[in-house]
Amino acid sequence: MSVYIYTYMATKTISIMEEAYEALLREKNKGESFTDVILRLAERRGKLADSFGKWKMRDKEWNAVRKELDRAWKSWK
């Protein structure tokens, strides 16, 4: 008796600019597929929303940011 199990992996074709291809190629390790690279990078970086509230800004940093924002707003008026 033998059992045959077939696993089908769906694939998608995407178009990317040459610059994006070169960036992926630079990130690619030996023996790694482009799928592996994309999944690794997506896992490592996560979503932008995951970083909300993580940076604890000090008063000195906030004052510097506020000063620059005030300066920018004045130049737009």
Foldseek 3Di string as FASTA:
>chain_A
DDDDDDDDDDDDDDDDDPVVVVVLVVQDDPPDDSVRSVVVVCVVVPDPVVCPPVDDDDPVRVVVVVVVVVVVVVVVD
